Amino acid sequence: MHLGPAAIVLDIGCGTGGTVRMIVERFRCRCVGIDISPAYVEAARELTGWVGLSDRAEFRTADATALPFADAAFDAIVTQHVAMAVADKKVYYGEAARVLKPGGTLAIYDALAGPAGGIGFPVPWAVDAAASHIVTPDDMRADLSSAGFEITHWRDTTAAGLKFLEKAVTRYAAAAPPALGLHLLLGDVFGNMLATLARNLAEDRVVLAKVVCSKN
């Protein structure tokens, strides 16, 4: 993403802030994380304070479809596993484009609907089909283009994601989750969510993609 110390980055759907902390530590720049869940934002602030990065990392409770920032406020935007929970993708990507500077970068890591269809639930972003707004890769390409983004990089990461999930599922099945993790916020159902997602990936019902775009 060509980030330097002067960059200002936005993480849309930051969760507990891990990506924000990685960015400010690695690139020495500023990063703002927003999430619709006040509990996630509170946890992000607390964890960031523990590792001494609060001077460059900021967290706010906000809606991804109504970002509380001025136009062209950010040099780059990252978002991971968020779009599947957002119904109106045109508004979602449109807001990202609005707050991104011309020529700025949008980096995405998301789950998409696979060719086999018929996704099983629960998954980490939804307990049932009513809460899931997953789209196909073609739909995602169209939505990004409509918002004014040019896709410069697209990589299918399904195989790597499945390998990672299979290891995680084994850990949860052995009652040996990490000391810190989303299971502390999502509860005992989190292990089942991971197992279901792994099955969806293995059966081509869900695919994973890393996508990088430039704002026109």
N, C-alpha and C. Protein backbone atom coordinates (compact mmCIF):
# COMPACT_ATOMS: atom_id res chain seq x y z
N MET A 1 0.81 -1.22 0.00
CA MET A 1 0.00 0.00 0.00
C MET A 1 0.85 1.27 0.00
N HIS A 2 2.18 1.10 -0.01
CA HIS A 2 3.10 2.25 -0.12
C HIS A 2 2.88 3.26 1.00
N LEU A 3 2.78 2.77 2.22
CA LEU A 3 2.54 3.65 3.36
C LEU A 3 3.86 4.17 3.93
N GLY A 4 3.82 5.43 4.37
CA GLY A 4 4.96 6.03 5.04
C GLY A 4 4.50 6.72 6.30
N PRO A 5 5.41 7.31 7.07
CA PRO A 5 5.05 7.94 8.35
C PRO A 5 4.01 9.05 8.24
N ALA A 6 3.90 9.68 7.07
CA ALA A 6 2.95 10.79 6.93
C ALA A 6 1.54 10.31 6.56
N ALA A 7 1.37 9.04 6.29
CA ALA A 7 0.09 8.52 5.84
C ALA A 7 -0.94 8.50 6.97
N ILE A 8 -2.20 8.68 6.58
CA ILE A 8 -3.32 8.52 7.50
C ILE A 8 -4.22 7.44 6.90
N VAL A 9 -4.43 6.36 7.67
CA VAL A 9 -5.11 5.16 7.17
C VAL A 9 -6.41 4.96 7.95
N LEU A 10 -7.42 4.46 7.27
CA LEU A 10 -8.69 4.10 7.91
C LEU A 10 -8.89 2.60 7.82
N ASP A 11 -9.26 1.98 8.95
CA ASP A 11 -9.65 0.57 8.98
C ASP A 11 -11.16 0.52 9.21
N ILE A 12 -11.91 0.11 8.19
CA ILE A 12 -13.37 0.03 8.29
C ILE A 12 -13.75 -1.35 8.82
N GLY A 13 -14.42 -1.36 9.98
CA GLY A 13 -14.76 -2.62 10.62
C GLY A 13 -13.55 -3.18 11.35
N CYS A 14 -12.97 -2.39 12.22
CA CYS A 14 -11.67 -2.71 12.83
C CYS A 14 -11.72 -3.81 13.87
N GLY A 15 -12.92 -4.18 14.34
CA GLY A 15 -12.99 -5.19 15.38
C GLY A 15 -12.20 -4.77 16.61
N THR A 16 -11.36 -5.65 17.11
CA THR A 16 -10.59 -5.35 18.32
C THR A 16 -9.26 -4.66 18.02
N GLY A 17 -9.06 -4.21 16.78
CA GLY A 17 -7.96 -3.30 16.48
C GLY A 17 -6.64 -3.91 16.08
N GLY A 18 -6.59 -5.21 15.82
CA GLY A 18 -5.32 -5.84 15.49
C GLY A 18 -4.64 -5.28 14.25
N THR A 19 -5.42 -5.05 13.20
CA THR A 19 -4.85 -4.51 11.97
C THR A 19 -4.35 -3.08 12.18
N VAL A 20 -5.11 -2.29 12.91
CA VAL A 20 -4.67 -0.91 13.21
C VAL A 20 -3.33 -0.93 13.93
N ARG A 21 -3.19 -1.79 14.93
CA ARG A 21 -1.93 -1.85 15.67
C ARG A 21 -0.77 -2.30 14.78
N MET A 22 -1.04 -3.26 13.91
CA MET A 22 0.00 -3.71 12.99
C MET A 22 0.45 -2.58 12.08
N ILE A 23 -0.50 -1.81 11.56
CA ILE A 23 -0.17 -0.72 10.62
C ILE A 23 0.65 0.37 11.30
N VAL A 24 0.22 0.82 12.47
CA VAL A 24 0.95 1.93 13.10
C VAL A 24 2.32 1.49 13.60
N GLU A 25 2.44 0.22 13.99
CA GLU A 25 3.73 -0.27 14.45
C GLU A 25 4.70 -0.47 13.29
N ARG A 26 4.18 -1.01 12.19
CA ARG A 26 5.06 -1.32 11.05
C ARG A 26 5.43 -0.08 10.24
N PHE A 27 4.45 0.81 10.02
CA PHE A 27 4.69 1.93 9.12
C PHE A 27 4.86 3.26 9.83
N ARG A 28 4.68 3.28 11.15
CA ARG A 28 4.88 4.48 11.97
C ARG A 28 3.96 5.62 11.58
N CYS A 29 2.82 5.29 10.96
CA CYS A 29 1.87 6.32 10.53
C CYS A 29 0.69 6.36 11.49
N ARG A 30 -0.30 7.16 11.17
CA ARG A 30 -1.53 7.23 11.96
C ARG A 30 -2.59 6.33 11.34
N CYS A 31 -3.42 5.74 12.18
CA CYS A 31 -4.50 4.89 11.68
C CYS A 31 -5.73 5.06 12.56
N VAL A 32 -6.87 5.20 11.93
CA VAL A 32 -8.16 5.32 12.61
C VAL A 32 -8.96 4.06 12.33
N GLY A 33 -9.47 3.42 13.36
CA GLY A 33 -10.32 2.25 13.20
C GLY A 33 -11.75 2.56 13.59
N ILE A 34 -12.71 2.15 12.78
CA ILE A 34 -14.12 2.32 13.14
C ILE A 34 -14.81 0.96 13.15
N ASP A 35 -15.75 0.82 14.06
CA ASP A 35 -16.56 -0.40 14.11
C ASP A 35 -17.93 -0.04 14.63
N ILE A 36 -18.95 -0.75 14.18
CA ILE A 36 -20.31 -0.46 14.62
C ILE A 36 -20.58 -0.98 16.02
N SER A 37 -19.70 -1.87 16.52
CA SER A 37 -19.88 -2.46 17.85
C SER A 37 -19.10 -1.68 18.91
N PRO A 38 -19.79 -1.03 19.86
CA PRO A 38 -19.08 -0.32 20.93
C PRO A 38 -18.17 -1.24 21.75
N ALA A 39 -18.56 -2.51 21.90
CA ALA A 39 -17.73 -3.45 22.67
C ALA A 39 -16.39 -3.69 21.98
N TYR A 40 -16.41 -3.83 20.66
CA TYR A 40 -15.17 -4.01 19.92
C TYR A 40 -14.28 -2.77 20.04
N VAL A 41 -14.88 -1.60 19.92
CA VAL A 41 -14.11 -0.36 20.00
C VAL A 41 -13.48 -0.21 21.39
N GLU A 42 -14.23 -0.52 22.42
CA GLU A 42 -13.70 -0.46 23.78
C GLU A 42 -12.52 -1.42 23.95
N ALA A 43 -12.68 -2.64 23.43
CA ALA A 43 -11.59 -3.62 23.51
C ALA A 43 -10.38 -3.16 22.72
N ALA A 44 -10.60 -2.57 21.55
CA ALA A 44 -9.50 -2.09 20.72
C ALA A 44 -8.69 -1.01 21.43
N ARG A 45 -9.39 -0.10 22.07
CA ARG A 45 -8.70 0.97 22.80
C ARG A 45 -7.87 0.40 23.95
N GLU A 46 -8.47 -0.55 24.67
CA GLU A 46 -7.78 -1.13 25.82
C GLU A 46 -6.52 -1.89 25.38
N LEU A 47 -6.66 -2.73 24.38
CA LEU A 47 -5.53 -3.53 23.91
C LEU A 47 -4.43 -2.63 23.33
N THR A 48 -4.82 -1.58 22.64
CA THR A 48 -3.84 -0.67 22.05
C THR A 48 -3.08 0.08 23.13
N GLY A 49 -3.76 0.43 24.20
CA GLY A 49 -3.09 1.07 25.33
C GLY A 49 -2.08 0.14 25.98
N TRP A 50 -2.41 -1.16 26.05
CA TRP A 50 -1.49 -2.13 26.67
C TRP A 50 -0.14 -2.17 25.95
N VAL A 51 -0.15 -1.98 24.62
CA VAL A 51 1.10 -2.10 23.85
C VAL A 51 1.69 -0.74 23.48
N GLY A 52 1.15 0.33 24.07
CA GLY A 52 1.75 1.65 23.93
C GLY A 52 1.65 2.28 22.56
N LEU A 53 0.53 2.03 21.85
CA LEU A 53 0.38 2.59 20.50
C LEU A 53 -0.76 3.59 20.39
N SER A 54 -1.30 4.03 21.51
CA SER A 54 -2.48 4.90 21.48
C SER A 54 -2.18 6.27 20.91
N ASP A 55 -0.91 6.67 20.85
CA ASP A 55 -0.59 7.99 20.32
C ASP A 55 -0.81 8.08 18.81
N ARG A 56 -0.78 6.93 18.12
CA ARG A 56 -0.96 6.96 16.67
C ARG A 56 -2.22 6.19 16.21
N ALA A 57 -2.90 5.55 17.14
CA ALA A 57 -4.09 4.76 16.80
C ALA A 57 -5.32 5.34 17.48
N GLU A 58 -6.37 5.52 16.70
CA GLU A 58 -7.63 6.07 17.21
C GLU A 58 -8.77 5.14 16.84
N PHE A 59 -9.75 4.99 17.72
CA PHE A 59 -10.88 4.11 17.47
C PHE A 59 -12.19 4.84 17.74
N ARG A 60 -13.15 4.64 16.86
CA ARG A 60 -14.46 5.27 17.00
C ARG A 60 -15.56 4.26 16.70
N THR A 61 -16.70 4.43 17.38
CA THR A 61 -17.89 3.67 17.03
C THR A 61 -18.59 4.40 15.89
N ALA A 62 -18.76 3.74 14.77
CA ALA A 62 -19.35 4.39 13.59
C ALA A 62 -19.89 3.34 12.64
N ASP A 63 -20.79 3.78 11.76
CA ASP A 63 -21.41 2.93 10.75
C ASP A 63 -20.62 3.05 9.45
N ALA A 64 -20.25 1.93 8.86
CA ALA A 64 -19.47 1.93 7.61
C ALA A 64 -20.22 2.57 6.45
N THR A 65 -21.55 2.65 6.54
CA THR A 65 -22.33 3.26 5.46
C THR A 65 -22.62 4.74 5.71
N ALA A 66 -22.06 5.31 6.78
CA ALA A 66 -22.22 6.73 7.08
C ALA A 66 -20.99 7.18 7.86
N LEU A 67 -19.85 7.19 7.19
CA LEU A 67 -18.58 7.47 7.86
C LEU A 67 -18.50 8.92 8.34
N PRO A 68 -18.07 9.14 9.59
CA PRO A 68 -18.05 10.49 10.17
C PRO A 68 -16.76 11.25 9.86
N PHE A 69 -16.38 11.27 8.57
CA PHE A 69 -15.13 11.91 8.17
C PHE A 69 -15.37 12.78 6.95
N ALA A 70 -14.49 13.77 6.78
CA ALA A 70 -14.57 14.66 5.63
C ALA A 70 -14.16 13.94 4.36
N ASP A 71 -14.53 14.51 3.23
CA ASP A 71 -14.12 13.96 1.94
C ASP A 71 -12.59 13.96 1.84
N ALA A 72 -12.05 12.92 1.19
CA ALA A 72 -10.61 12.83 0.91
C ALA A 72 -9.75 12.98 2.18
N ALA A 73 -10.19 12.36 3.27
CA ALA A 73 -9.48 12.50 4.55
C ALA A 73 -8.35 11.49 4.73
N PHE A 74 -8.34 10.41 3.91
CA PHE A 74 -7.39 9.32 4.16
C PHE A 74 -6.56 8.99 2.91
N ASP A 75 -5.32 8.58 3.17
CA ASP A 75 -4.43 8.15 2.09
C ASP A 75 -4.70 6.71 1.67
N ALA A 76 -5.19 5.90 2.59
CA ALA A 76 -5.44 4.49 2.31
C ALA A 76 -6.53 3.98 3.25
N ILE A 77 -7.22 2.93 2.80
CA ILE A 77 -8.27 2.29 3.60
C ILE A 77 -8.06 0.79 3.56
N VAL A 78 -8.22 0.13 4.70
CA VAL A 78 -8.24 -1.32 4.75
C VAL A 78 -9.57 -1.78 5.33
N THR A 79 -10.03 -2.94 4.90
CA THR A 79 -11.25 -3.50 5.45
C THR A 79 -11.18 -5.02 5.28
N GLN A 80 -11.48 -5.74 6.36
CA GLN A 80 -11.37 -7.19 6.37
C GLN A 80 -12.63 -7.82 6.93
N HIS A 81 -13.21 -8.73 6.16
CA HIS A 81 -14.39 -9.48 6.61
C HIS A 81 -15.49 -8.57 7.14
N VAL A 82 -15.86 -7.59 6.34
CA VAL A 82 -16.90 -6.63 6.73
C VAL A 82 -18.06 -6.63 5.74
N ALA A 83 -17.75 -6.61 4.44
CA ALA A 83 -18.80 -6.43 3.42
C ALA A 83 -19.89 -7.49 3.50
N MET A 84 -19.56 -8.69 3.97
CA MET A 84 -20.57 -9.76 4.04
C MET A 84 -21.71 -9.44 4.99
N ALA A 85 -21.45 -8.48 5.91
CA ALA A 85 -22.48 -8.10 6.88
C ALA A 85 -23.18 -6.80 6.52
N VAL A 86 -22.83 -6.22 5.35
CA VAL A 86 -23.40 -4.94 4.93
C VAL A 86 -24.34 -5.18 3.75
N ALA A 87 -25.60 -4.77 3.91
CA ALA A 87 -26.60 -5.04 2.87
C ALA A 87 -26.40 -4.16 1.63
N ASP A 88 -26.14 -2.87 1.84
CA ASP A 88 -26.05 -1.93 0.73
C ASP A 88 -24.59 -1.72 0.35
N LYS A 89 -24.09 -2.54 -0.57
CA LYS A 89 -22.69 -2.47 -0.96
C LYS A 89 -22.37 -1.17 -1.70
N LYS A 90 -23.32 -0.65 -2.47
CA LYS A 90 -23.06 0.58 -3.21
C LYS A 90 -22.78 1.73 -2.26
N VAL A 91 -23.55 1.84 -1.19
CA VAL A 91 -23.31 2.89 -0.20
C VAL A 91 -22.01 2.63 0.54
N TYR A 92 -21.77 1.37 0.88
CA TYR A 92 -20.57 0.98 1.62
C TYR A 92 -19.29 1.37 0.86
N TYR A 93 -19.20 0.93 -0.40
CA TYR A 93 -18.02 1.27 -1.19
C TYR A 93 -18.01 2.75 -1.58
N GLY A 94 -19.20 3.32 -1.74
CA GLY A 94 -19.28 4.75 -2.05
C GLY A 94 -18.73 5.61 -0.93
N GLU A 95 -19.01 5.24 0.32
CA GLU A 95 -18.47 5.98 1.46
C GLU A 95 -16.95 5.83 1.54
N ALA A 96 -16.45 4.63 1.24
CA ALA A 96 -15.00 4.44 1.22
C ALA A 96 -14.36 5.34 0.18
N ALA A 97 -14.97 5.41 -1.00
CA ALA A 97 -14.44 6.27 -2.06
C ALA A 97 -14.50 7.74 -1.66
N ARG A 98 -15.55 8.13 -0.99
CA ARG A 98 -15.71 9.54 -0.60
C ARG A 98 -14.60 10.01 0.33
N VAL A 99 -14.24 9.20 1.32
CA VAL A 99 -13.26 9.65 2.32
C VAL A 99 -11.82 9.35 1.92
N LEU A 100 -11.63 8.69 0.76
CA LEU A 100 -10.29 8.36 0.28
C LEU A 100 -9.81 9.44 -0.70
N LYS A 101 -8.54 9.80 -0.59
CA LYS A 101 -7.96 10.79 -1.49
C LYS A 101 -7.89 10.22 -2.91
N PRO A 102 -7.97 11.07 -3.94
CA PRO A 102 -7.79 10.60 -5.31
C PRO A 102 -6.46 9.88 -5.46
N GLY A 103 -6.49 8.72 -6.09
CA GLY A 103 -5.28 7.92 -6.23
C GLY A 103 -4.96 7.08 -5.02
N GLY A 104 -5.76 7.20 -3.96
CA GLY A 104 -5.55 6.42 -2.74
C GLY A 104 -5.89 4.95 -2.93
N THR A 105 -5.45 4.14 -1.98
CA THR A 105 -5.58 2.69 -2.09
C THR A 105 -6.64 2.15 -1.14
N LEU A 106 -7.47 1.25 -1.63
CA LEU A 106 -8.41 0.49 -0.81
C LEU A 106 -7.98 -0.96 -0.86
N ALA A 107 -7.67 -1.54 0.30
CA ALA A 107 -7.24 -2.94 0.38
C ALA A 107 -8.31 -3.74 1.12
N ILE A 108 -8.73 -4.85 0.53
CA ILE A 108 -9.87 -5.63 1.03
C ILE A 108 -9.47 -7.09 1.20
N TYR A 109 -9.92 -7.69 2.30
CA TYR A 109 -9.85 -9.14 2.44
C TYR A 109 -11.23 -9.61 2.86
N ASP A 110 -11.93 -10.33 1.99
CA ASP A 110 -13.32 -10.67 2.27
C ASP A 110 -13.67 -12.07 1.81
N ALA A 111 -14.77 -12.55 2.37
CA ALA A 111 -15.37 -13.80 1.93
C ALA A 111 -16.43 -13.49 0.88
N LEU A 112 -16.51 -14.33 -0.15
CA LEU A 112 -17.45 -14.15 -1.24
C LEU A 112 -18.19 -15.45 -1.51
N ALA A 113 -19.33 -15.33 -2.17
CA ALA A 113 -20.13 -16.52 -2.47
C ALA A 113 -19.43 -17.37 -3.51
N GLY A 114 -19.26 -18.66 -3.21
CA GLY A 114 -18.59 -19.58 -4.11
C GLY A 114 -19.53 -20.16 -5.14
N PRO A 115 -18.98 -20.88 -6.11
CA PRO A 115 -19.80 -21.41 -7.21
C PRO A 115 -20.81 -22.48 -6.78
N ALA A 116 -20.56 -23.17 -5.66
CA ALA A 116 -21.47 -24.24 -5.25
C ALA A 116 -22.74 -23.71 -4.60
N GLY A 117 -22.69 -22.49 -4.03
CA GLY A 117 -23.88 -21.91 -3.39
C GLY A 117 -24.27 -22.63 -2.12
N GLY A 118 -25.40 -22.21 -1.54
CA GLY A 118 -25.95 -22.89 -0.37
C GLY A 118 -25.06 -22.85 0.84
N ILE A 119 -24.71 -21.65 1.29
CA ILE A 119 -23.79 -21.48 2.42
C ILE A 119 -24.39 -22.05 3.71
N GLY A 120 -23.57 -22.76 4.48
CA GLY A 120 -23.99 -23.27 5.78
C GLY A 120 -23.75 -22.23 6.87
N PHE A 121 -24.57 -22.24 7.89
CA PHE A 121 -24.46 -21.30 9.01
C PHE A 121 -24.43 -22.08 10.33
N PRO A 122 -23.88 -21.47 11.42
CA PRO A 122 -23.39 -20.09 11.52
C PRO A 122 -21.97 -19.95 10.99
N VAL A 123 -21.64 -18.71 10.57
CA VAL A 123 -20.30 -18.34 10.16
C VAL A 123 -19.89 -17.10 10.96
N PRO A 124 -18.63 -16.72 10.96
CA PRO A 124 -18.21 -15.61 11.83
C PRO A 124 -18.94 -14.29 11.61
N TRP A 125 -19.50 -14.06 10.42
CA TRP A 125 -20.18 -12.79 10.18
C TRP A 125 -21.70 -12.88 10.32
N ALA A 126 -22.26 -14.08 10.47
CA ALA A 126 -23.71 -14.20 10.55
C ALA A 126 -24.11 -15.53 11.16
N VAL A 127 -25.14 -15.49 11.99
CA VAL A 127 -25.65 -16.73 12.59
C VAL A 127 -26.63 -17.44 11.68
N ASP A 128 -27.21 -16.70 10.72
CA ASP A 128 -28.16 -17.31 9.78
C ASP A 128 -28.16 -16.51 8.48
N ALA A 129 -28.90 -17.00 7.50
CA ALA A 129 -28.90 -16.38 6.18
C ALA A 129 -29.45 -14.96 6.20
N ALA A 130 -30.36 -14.66 7.12
CA ALA A 130 -30.96 -13.32 7.17
C ALA A 130 -29.93 -12.25 7.50
N ALA A 131 -28.87 -12.61 8.21
CA ALA A 131 -27.85 -11.64 8.62
C ALA A 131 -26.67 -11.60 7.67
N SER A 132 -26.69 -12.44 6.63
CA SER A 132 -25.56 -12.53 5.71
C SER A 132 -25.88 -11.83 4.39
N HIS A 133 -24.95 -11.00 3.93
CA HIS A 133 -25.14 -10.27 2.68
C HIS A 133 -23.95 -10.52 1.75
N ILE A 134 -23.53 -11.75 1.68
CA ILE A 134 -22.39 -12.14 0.87
C ILE A 134 -22.76 -12.07 -0.61
N VAL A 135 -21.80 -11.67 -1.46
CA VAL A 135 -22.04 -11.56 -2.90
C VAL A 135 -20.97 -12.36 -3.65
N THR A 136 -21.18 -12.53 -4.93
CA THR A 136 -20.23 -13.25 -5.76
C THR A 136 -19.05 -12.35 -6.12
N PRO A 137 -17.93 -12.93 -6.57
CA PRO A 137 -16.82 -12.10 -7.03
C PRO A 137 -17.21 -11.14 -8.14
N ASP A 138 -18.05 -11.57 -9.08
CA ASP A 138 -18.48 -10.68 -10.16
C ASP A 138 -19.28 -9.49 -9.62
N ASP A 139 -20.15 -9.75 -8.64
CA ASP A 139 -20.91 -8.66 -8.03
C ASP A 139 -19.98 -7.67 -7.32
N MET A 140 -18.98 -8.19 -6.64
CA MET A 140 -18.03 -7.32 -5.94
C MET A 140 -17.27 -6.44 -6.93
N ARG A 141 -16.83 -7.03 -8.03
CA ARG A 141 -16.13 -6.25 -9.05
C ARG A 141 -17.01 -5.13 -9.57
N ALA A 142 -18.28 -5.44 -9.82
CA ALA A 142 -19.21 -4.43 -10.34
C ALA A 142 -19.46 -3.32 -9.32
N ASP A 143 -19.61 -3.69 -8.06
CA ASP A 143 -19.86 -2.69 -7.01
C ASP A 143 -18.66 -1.76 -6.83
N LEU A 144 -17.46 -2.32 -6.87
CA LEU A 144 -16.25 -1.50 -6.74
C LEU A 144 -16.10 -0.55 -7.92
N SER A 145 -16.35 -1.04 -9.11
CA SER A 145 -16.27 -0.20 -10.29
C SER A 145 -17.29 0.93 -10.25
N SER A 146 -18.49 0.61 -9.80
CA SER A 146 -19.55 1.60 -9.70
C SER A 146 -19.20 2.72 -8.73
N ALA A 147 -18.42 2.38 -7.69
CA ALA A 147 -18.03 3.37 -6.69
C ALA A 147 -16.82 4.20 -7.13
N GLY A 148 -16.23 3.86 -8.26
CA GLY A 148 -15.10 4.64 -8.76
C GLY A 148 -13.74 4.06 -8.47
N PHE A 149 -13.69 2.74 -8.22
CA PHE A 149 -12.42 2.08 -7.94
C PHE A 149 -11.95 1.27 -9.15
N GLU A 150 -10.64 1.26 -9.36
CA GLU A 150 -10.02 0.39 -10.34
C GLU A 150 -9.30 -0.72 -9.61
N ILE A 151 -9.63 -1.96 -9.89
CA ILE A 151 -8.99 -3.11 -9.23
C ILE A 151 -7.61 -3.31 -9.83
N THR A 152 -6.59 -3.24 -8.98
CA THR A 152 -5.21 -3.41 -9.44
C THR A 152 -4.62 -4.76 -9.05
N HIS A 153 -5.27 -5.47 -8.14
CA HIS A 153 -4.75 -6.76 -7.67
C HIS A 153 -5.92 -7.58 -7.14
N TRP A 154 -6.00 -8.83 -7.59
CA TRP A 154 -7.05 -9.74 -7.09
C TRP A 154 -6.40 -11.11 -6.92
N ARG A 155 -6.42 -11.62 -5.71
CA ARG A 155 -5.83 -12.94 -5.46
C ARG A 155 -6.79 -13.81 -4.67
N ASP A 156 -7.08 -14.98 -5.19
CA ASP A 156 -7.90 -15.94 -4.47
C ASP A 156 -7.05 -16.57 -3.37
N THR A 157 -7.50 -16.44 -2.13
CA THR A 157 -6.75 -16.95 -0.98
C THR A 157 -7.51 -18.07 -0.27
N THR A 158 -8.42 -18.72 -0.99
CA THR A 158 -9.25 -19.75 -0.38
C THR A 158 -8.42 -20.89 0.20
N ALA A 159 -7.46 -21.39 -0.56
CA ALA A 159 -6.65 -22.53 -0.10
C ALA A 159 -5.89 -22.19 1.17
N ALA A 160 -5.28 -21.01 1.21
CA ALA A 160 -4.54 -20.60 2.41
C ALA A 160 -5.48 -20.39 3.59
N GLY A 161 -6.64 -19.81 3.32
CA GLY A 161 -7.62 -19.60 4.38
C GLY A 161 -8.13 -20.91 4.96
N LEU A 162 -8.37 -21.89 4.11
CA LEU A 162 -8.84 -23.19 4.58
C LEU A 162 -7.78 -23.86 5.44
N LYS A 163 -6.53 -23.79 5.03
CA LYS A 163 -5.44 -24.38 5.81
C LYS A 163 -5.36 -23.75 7.20
N PHE A 164 -5.48 -22.42 7.25
CA PHE A 164 -5.46 -21.71 8.53
C PHE A 164 -6.64 -22.12 9.41
N LEU A 165 -7.84 -22.18 8.80
CA LEU A 165 -9.03 -22.51 9.57
C LEU A 165 -8.99 -23.94 10.11
N GLU A 166 -8.48 -24.86 9.33
CA GLU A 166 -8.41 -26.24 9.79
C GLU A 166 -7.54 -26.36 11.05
N LYS A 167 -6.45 -25.61 11.10
CA LYS A 167 -5.62 -25.60 12.30
C LYS A 167 -6.37 -24.98 13.48
N ALA A 168 -7.09 -23.89 13.22
CA ALA A 168 -7.84 -23.22 14.28
C ALA A 168 -8.95 -24.12 14.82
N VAL A 169 -9.66 -24.80 13.93
CA VAL A 169 -10.74 -25.70 14.34
C VAL A 169 -10.19 -26.82 15.22
N THR A 170 -9.03 -27.34 14.87
CA THR A 170 -8.41 -28.39 15.68
C THR A 170 -8.10 -27.89 17.08
N ARG A 171 -7.62 -26.66 17.18
CA ARG A 171 -7.31 -26.08 18.49
C ARG A 171 -8.57 -25.94 19.33
N TYR A 172 -9.64 -25.43 18.71
CA TYR A 172 -10.88 -25.25 19.47
C TYR A 172 -11.49 -26.58 19.87
N ALA A 173 -11.40 -27.57 18.99
CA ALA A 173 -11.94 -28.90 19.31
C ALA A 173 -11.20 -29.52 20.47
N ALA A 174 -9.91 -29.18 20.63
CA ALA A 174 -9.11 -29.70 21.74
C ALA A 174 -9.21 -28.83 22.98
N ALA A 175 -10.15 -27.86 22.93
CA ALA A 175 -10.36 -26.93 24.05
C ALA A 175 -9.07 -26.18 24.39
N ALA A 176 -8.35 -25.78 23.32
CA ALA A 176 -7.09 -25.06 23.52
C ALA A 176 -7.04 -23.79 22.67
N PRO A 177 -8.05 -22.90 22.81
CA PRO A 177 -8.02 -21.65 22.05
C PRO A 177 -6.91 -20.74 22.56
N PRO A 178 -6.54 -19.72 21.78
CA PRO A 178 -5.52 -18.78 22.26
C PRO A 178 -6.02 -18.01 23.47
N ALA A 179 -5.09 -17.45 24.23
CA ALA A 179 -5.48 -16.70 25.43
C ALA A 179 -6.34 -15.49 25.08
N LEU A 180 -5.99 -14.82 23.98
CA LEU A 180 -6.77 -13.68 23.49
C LEU A 180 -7.32 -14.02 22.11
N GLY A 181 -8.59 -13.73 21.88
CA GLY A 181 -9.17 -14.01 20.58
C GLY A 181 -10.65 -13.64 20.56
N LEU A 182 -11.25 -13.75 19.37
CA LEU A 182 -12.66 -13.37 19.24
C LEU A 182 -13.60 -14.28 20.01
N HIS A 183 -13.14 -15.45 20.41
CA HIS A 183 -13.99 -16.33 21.21
C HIS A 183 -14.36 -15.68 22.54
N LEU A 184 -13.53 -14.75 23.01
CA LEU A 184 -13.84 -14.06 24.27
C LEU A 184 -15.03 -13.11 24.11
N LEU A 185 -15.26 -12.64 22.86
CA LEU A 185 -16.38 -11.74 22.60
C LEU A 185 -17.59 -12.48 22.04
N LEU A 186 -17.36 -13.52 21.24
CA LEU A 186 -18.45 -14.22 20.58
C LEU A 186 -18.94 -15.45 21.34
N GLY A 187 -18.14 -15.91 22.32
CA GLY A 187 -18.59 -17.02 23.15
C GLY A 187 -18.29 -18.38 22.54
N ASP A 188 -18.91 -19.41 23.11
CA ASP A 188 -18.64 -20.79 22.73
C ASP A 188 -19.00 -21.11 21.29
N VAL A 189 -19.92 -20.31 20.69
CA VAL A 189 -20.35 -20.58 19.32
C VAL A 189 -19.24 -20.29 18.31
N PHE A 190 -18.20 -19.57 18.72
CA PHE A 190 -17.15 -19.18 17.77
C PHE A 190 -16.46 -20.39 17.15
N GLY A 191 -16.19 -21.41 17.93
CA GLY A 191 -15.56 -22.61 17.39
C GLY A 191 -16.41 -23.25 16.32
N ASN A 192 -17.73 -23.28 16.53
CA ASN A 192 -18.65 -23.84 15.54
C ASN A 192 -18.68 -22.99 14.28
N MET A 193 -18.60 -21.65 14.47
CA MET A 193 -18.56 -20.74 13.31
C MET A 193 -17.35 -21.03 12.43
N LEU A 194 -16.20 -21.22 13.07
CA LEU A 194 -14.98 -21.51 12.31
C LEU A 194 -15.09 -22.84 11.56
N ALA A 195 -15.64 -23.84 12.23
CA ALA A 195 -15.78 -25.16 11.60
C ALA A 195 -16.73 -25.10 10.40
N THR A 196 -17.82 -24.35 10.54
CA THR A 196 -18.77 -24.22 9.44
C THR A 196 -18.15 -23.47 8.27
N LEU A 197 -17.41 -22.41 8.57
CA LEU A 197 -16.74 -21.67 7.50
C LEU A 197 -15.73 -22.57 6.77
N ALA A 198 -14.99 -23.37 7.52
CA ALA A 198 -14.04 -24.29 6.90
C ALA A 198 -14.75 -25.25 5.95
N ARG A 199 -15.89 -25.77 6.34
CA ARG A 199 -16.65 -26.66 5.47
C ARG A 199 -17.12 -25.93 4.21
N ASN A 200 -17.58 -24.69 4.40
CA ASN A 200 -18.01 -23.89 3.25
C ASN A 200 -16.88 -23.68 2.25
N LEU A 201 -15.68 -23.45 2.76
CA LEU A 201 -14.53 -23.26 1.87
C LEU A 201 -14.17 -24.56 1.16
N ALA A 202 -14.17 -25.65 1.91
CA ALA A 202 -13.81 -26.94 1.33
C ALA A 202 -14.80 -27.38 0.25
N GLU A 203 -16.06 -26.97 0.39
CA GLU A 203 -17.11 -27.38 -0.54
C GLU A 203 -17.39 -26.33 -1.62
N ASP A 204 -16.54 -25.30 -1.73
CA ASP A 204 -16.68 -24.23 -2.74
C ASP A 204 -17.96 -23.43 -2.58
N ARG A 205 -18.49 -23.39 -1.37
CA ARG A 205 -19.67 -22.57 -1.10
C ARG A 205 -19.27 -21.13 -0.78
N VAL A 206 -18.05 -20.96 -0.28
CA VAL A 206 -17.48 -19.65 0.02
C VAL A 206 -16.05 -19.63 -0.52
N VAL A 207 -15.65 -18.48 -1.06
CA VAL A 207 -14.26 -18.28 -1.48
C VAL A 207 -13.72 -17.04 -0.78
N LEU A 208 -12.40 -16.95 -0.67
CA LEU A 208 -11.76 -15.80 -0.03
C LEU A 208 -10.92 -15.07 -1.07
N ALA A 209 -10.88 -13.74 -0.94
CA ALA A 209 -10.12 -12.95 -1.91
C ALA A 209 -9.44 -11.78 -1.23
N LYS A 210 -8.21 -11.51 -1.69
CA LYS A 210 -7.49 -10.30 -1.31
C LYS A 210 -7.52 -9.37 -2.53
N VAL A 211 -8.07 -8.18 -2.34
CA VAL A 211 -8.30 -7.27 -3.45
C VAL A 211 -7.70 -5.91 -3.12
N VAL A 212 -6.98 -5.34 -4.06
CA VAL A 212 -6.42 -4.00 -3.89
C VAL A 212 -6.95 -3.13 -5.02
N CYS A 213 -7.44 -1.95 -4.66
CA CYS A 213 -8.03 -1.03 -5.63
C CYS A 213 -7.41 0.35 -5.50
N SER A 214 -7.49 1.09 -6.59
CA SER A 214 -7.07 2.49 -6.60
C SER A 214 -8.28 3.36 -6.90
N LYS A 215 -8.41 4.47 -6.18
CA LYS A 215 -9.52 5.38 -6.45
C LYS A 215 -9.22 6.21 -7.69
N ASN A 216 -10.14 6.19 -8.63
CA ASN A 216 -9.95 6.93 -9.87
C ASN A 216 -9.99 8.44 -9.62
